[in-house]
């Protein structure tokens, strides 16, 4: 399982997640600089922002994120969120 976590951390992030971060949350980092190891905290996103992210993703893309998506914390990584997006498809 650790290997799967590392591969998600290294692989490309879902474009929907990147679009939400750069569009909806106005993250001012170049999309190419975002990786699976980037934390929400480093992007200045707090717990409330993460709840908004889940709601925005579900509304904008018509997906239902799994319960573990609600467990995201500011110290969580984009790779962890990417896994939630994978399971929502």
Protein backbone atom coordinates (compact mmCIF):
# COMPACT_ATOMS: atom_id res chain seq x y z
CA UNK A 1 0.00 0.00 0.00
CA UNK A 2 2.88 2.36 0.72
CA UNK A 3 4.05 1.90 -2.86
CA UNK A 4 0.61 2.93 -4.16
CA UNK A 5 0.74 6.07 -2.00
CA UNK A 6 4.18 6.94 -3.36
CA UNK A 7 3.11 6.41 -6.98
CA UNK A 8 0.12 8.74 -6.49
CA UNK A 9 2.44 11.30 -4.91
CA UNK A 10 4.63 11.19 -8.02
CA UNK A 11 1.92 10.90 -10.68
CA UNK A 12 0.03 13.73 -12.31
CA UNK A 13 -2.79 15.24 -10.31
CA UNK A 14 -6.35 15.03 -11.69
CA UNK A 15 -6.96 18.10 -13.82
CA UNK A 16 -10.27 18.67 -12.02
CA UNK A 17 -8.42 19.04 -8.71
CA UNK A 18 -5.88 21.43 -10.22
CA UNK A 19 -8.68 23.44 -11.86
CA UNK A 20 -10.51 23.80 -8.54
CA UNK A 21 -7.36 24.88 -6.74
CA UNK A 22 -6.26 27.41 -9.33
CA UNK A 23 -9.73 28.65 -10.30
CA UNK A 24 -12.08 28.36 -7.35
CA UNK A 25 -9.48 28.91 -4.63
CA UNK A 26 -7.21 31.25 -6.61
CA UNK A 27 -4.08 29.29 -5.69
CA UNK A 28 -1.35 31.39 -7.25
CA UNK A 29 1.09 28.56 -7.82
CA UNK A 30 1.90 27.43 -11.34
CA UNK A 31 -0.03 24.19 -11.99
CA UNK A 32 3.28 22.53 -12.91
CA UNK A 33 4.60 23.27 -9.43
CA UNK A 34 1.81 21.32 -7.75
CA UNK A 35 2.65 17.72 -6.90
CA UNK A 36 1.18 14.87 -4.92
CA UNK A 37 3.39 15.86 -2.00
CA UNK A 38 2.16 19.46 -1.86
CA UNK A 39 0.13 20.04 1.30
CA UNK A 40 -3.01 22.12 1.49
CA UNK A 41 -1.37 24.03 4.31
CA UNK A 42 1.45 25.14 1.98
CA UNK A 43 -1.24 26.57 -0.31
CA UNK A 44 -2.78 28.51 2.61
CA UNK A 45 -5.93 26.36 2.60
CA UNK A 46 -7.50 25.68 5.99
CA UNK A 47 -10.08 23.14 7.15
CA UNK A 48 -12.99 25.29 5.97
CA UNK A 49 -11.39 25.60 2.53
CA UNK A 50 -11.11 21.82 2.34
CA UNK A 51 -14.81 21.40 3.04
CA UNK A 52 -15.50 23.97 0.31
CA UNK A 53 -13.24 21.97 -2.01
CA UNK A 54 -15.27 18.80 -1.45
CA UNK A 55 -18.58 20.60 -2.04
CA UNK A 56 -17.26 22.46 -5.11
CA UNK A 57 -15.88 19.23 -6.61
CA UNK A 58 -19.15 17.41 -6.12
CA UNK A 59 -21.22 20.25 -7.58
CA UNK A 60 -18.95 21.19 -10.46
CA UNK A 61 -18.06 17.70 -11.65
CA UNK A 62 -21.14 15.76 -10.58
CA UNK A 63 -19.11 13.32 -8.51
CA UNK A 64 -19.58 12.01 -5.00
CA UNK A 65 -16.34 11.98 -3.09
CA UNK A 66 -15.86 9.09 -0.65
CA UNK A 67 -16.17 9.57 3.09
CA UNK A 68 -12.37 9.66 3.49
CA UNK A 69 -12.36 12.90 1.48
CA UNK A 70 -14.04 14.47 4.48
CA UNK A 71 -11.01 13.46 6.56
CA UNK A 72 -8.68 15.80 4.66
CA UNK A 73 -6.76 18.20 6.89
CA UNK A 74 -4.54 21.16 6.06
CA UNK A 75 -1.56 18.83 6.54
CA UNK A 76 -3.00 16.38 3.96
CA UNK A 77 -1.34 16.21 0.56
CA UNK A 78 -2.74 16.75 -2.90
CA UNK A 79 -1.89 13.10 -3.52
CA UNK A 80 -4.34 12.09 -0.79
CA UNK A 81 -7.00 14.27 -2.39
CA UNK A 82 -6.17 12.82 -5.81
CA UNK A 83 -6.91 9.32 -4.48
CA UNK A 84 -10.33 10.57 -3.34
CA UNK A 85 -10.96 11.91 -6.87
CA UNK A 86 -9.90 8.54 -8.34
CA UNK A 87 -12.41 6.67 -6.21
CA UNK A 88 -15.20 9.10 -7.11
CA UNK A 89 -15.15 8.19 -10.81
